[in-house]
Amino acid sequence: MTAMTTTTATVFRIEPQPWYERAACRGRDADCFFPEKGGSTRAAKRICQTCAVQLECLEYALANDERFGIWGGMSERERRRLKKRSPDSPAEGIPASIGASP
C-alpha cells in the first residue's frame, strides 16, 4: 500500500495483488477499512468474514507490516498481537476461523 498526500487528505492505494480481484472489499468505501482512531471496525470485519481471500489479505498485511486499517479481518492492534505471539512466523498464529469458508 502506498500513501499519496494531497492538500486535503492522504489517499492510500494498494499495489495490485492477484487475490485482490476476488476480495469482498473491492469497490467498497475504503473509509470503512481505515476508521479514525477509536472508530468502529465492525462493518469492515463483517465484510472480511464473507471474503474468499481473507487469509491471503491477512498474510499480505503481515508480510508487508501494514500498520493501518483492517486487513484480513484484523485490526492493526490484533495483527501486532499476532506478530508478538509468533515473531518468526506470524502466519502460523492465524486463527483457524480466518480463511475458513463463510
Protein backbone atom coordinates (compact mmCIF):
# COMPACT_ATOMS: atom_id res chain seq x y z
CA MET A 1 0.00 0.00 0.00
CA THR A 2 1.36 3.42 -0.81
CA ALA A 3 0.29 6.76 0.57
CA MET A 4 -0.24 9.86 -1.53
CA THR A 5 -0.69 13.14 0.26
CA THR A 6 -2.79 15.90 -1.23
CA THR A 7 -3.54 19.30 0.29
CA THR A 8 -6.74 17.96 1.85
CA ALA A 9 -6.19 14.27 2.55
CA THR A 10 -3.94 11.25 2.39
CA VAL A 11 -5.06 8.67 -0.14
CA PHE A 12 -3.96 5.04 0.19
CA ARG A 13 -3.56 2.78 -2.82
CA ILE A 14 -2.95 -0.95 -2.69
CA GLU A 15 -0.42 -2.36 -5.13
CA PRO A 16 -2.24 -4.86 -7.35
CA GLN A 17 -2.22 -8.35 -5.87
CA PRO A 18 -3.61 -11.40 -7.69
CA TRP A 19 -6.01 -12.16 -4.84
CA TYR A 20 -7.43 -8.63 -4.73
CA GLU A 21 -9.59 -9.26 -7.79
CA ARG A 22 -11.66 -11.65 -5.65
CA ALA A 23 -11.68 -9.54 -2.46
CA ALA A 24 -15.05 -8.75 -0.87
CA CYS A 25 -13.80 -5.22 -0.11
CA ARG A 26 -13.08 -4.43 -3.76
CA GLY A 27 -15.16 -1.45 -4.81
CA ARG A 28 -16.27 -0.73 -1.23
CA ASP A 29 -15.75 2.52 0.64
CA ALA A 30 -12.16 2.42 1.92
CA ASP A 31 -13.09 4.60 4.91
CA CYS A 32 -14.79 1.55 6.40
CA PHE A 33 -11.41 -0.27 6.48
CA PHE A 34 -9.45 2.72 7.78
CA PRO A 35 -11.57 4.09 10.64
CA GLU A 36 -10.49 7.08 12.69
CA LYS A 37 -8.71 6.21 15.93
CA GLY A 38 -11.34 4.79 18.28
CA GLY A 39 -13.83 4.30 15.42
CA SER A 40 -15.73 1.08 14.90
CA THR A 41 -14.18 -1.75 12.91
CA ARG A 42 -17.36 -3.87 12.92
CA ALA A 43 -18.54 -3.11 9.38
CA ALA A 44 -15.14 -3.88 7.85
CA LYS A 45 -14.75 -7.10 9.83
CA ARG A 46 -18.22 -8.20 8.76
CA ILE A 47 -17.21 -7.79 5.12
CA CYS A 48 -13.95 -9.67 5.76
CA GLN A 49 -15.84 -12.62 7.26
CA THR A 50 -17.52 -13.19 3.88
CA CYS A 51 -14.33 -12.83 1.86
CA ALA A 52 -12.87 -15.70 -0.14
CA VAL A 53 -9.35 -14.23 0.13
CA GLN A 54 -9.36 -13.20 3.80
CA LEU A 55 -6.31 -15.36 4.58
CA GLU A 56 -4.30 -14.03 1.63
CA CYS A 57 -5.16 -10.48 2.66
CA LEU A 58 -4.02 -11.06 6.24
CA GLU A 59 -0.83 -12.77 5.11
CA TYR A 60 -0.12 -9.79 2.84
CA ALA A 61 -0.60 -7.36 5.73
CA LEU A 62 1.68 -9.37 8.00
CA ALA A 63 4.39 -9.80 5.35
CA ASN A 64 4.31 -6.10 4.45
CA ASP A 65 3.98 -4.80 8.01
CA GLU A 66 0.78 -2.89 7.27
CA ARG A 67 0.28 -0.59 10.24
CA PHE A 68 -3.09 0.90 9.39
CA GLY A 69 -6.53 -0.41 8.62
CA ILE A 70 -8.41 -3.68 8.69
CA TRP A 71 -6.66 -6.41 6.69
CA GLY A 72 -7.88 -9.99 6.62
CA GLY A 73 -10.42 -9.22 9.31
CA MET A 74 -7.87 -7.98 11.84
CA SER A 75 -7.09 -4.51 13.13
CA GLU A 76 -3.56 -3.19 13.43
CA ARG A 77 -3.64 -3.95 17.18
CA GLU A 78 -4.76 -7.54 16.55
CA ARG A 79 -2.01 -8.00 13.95
CA ARG A 80 0.61 -6.67 16.37
CA ARG A 81 -0.52 -9.20 19.00
CA LEU A 82 -0.34 -11.97 16.42
CA LYS A 83 3.22 -10.96 15.50
CA LYS A 84 4.26 -10.86 19.16
CA ARG A 85 2.98 -14.42 19.71
CA SER A 86 4.86 -15.76 16.67
CA PRO A 87 7.53 -13.18 15.71
CA ASP A 88 9.41 -15.51 13.33
CA SER A 89 6.32 -16.80 11.57
CA PRO A 90 3.20 -14.76 12.41
CA ALA A 91 1.15 -16.60 9.77
CA GLU A 92 1.38 -19.74 11.94
CA GLY A 93 -0.57 -17.94 14.67
CA ILE A 94 -3.51 -17.02 12.42
CA PRO A 95 -6.78 -18.22 13.98
CA ALA A 96 -8.36 -21.21 12.22
CA SER A 97 -11.57 -19.19 11.65
CA ILE A 98 -9.71 -16.91 9.22
CA GLY A 99 -9.70 -18.32 5.75
CA ALA A 100 -12.43 -20.83 6.56
CA SER A 101 -15.33 -20.92 4.12
CA PRO A 102 -18.06 -18.43 5.17
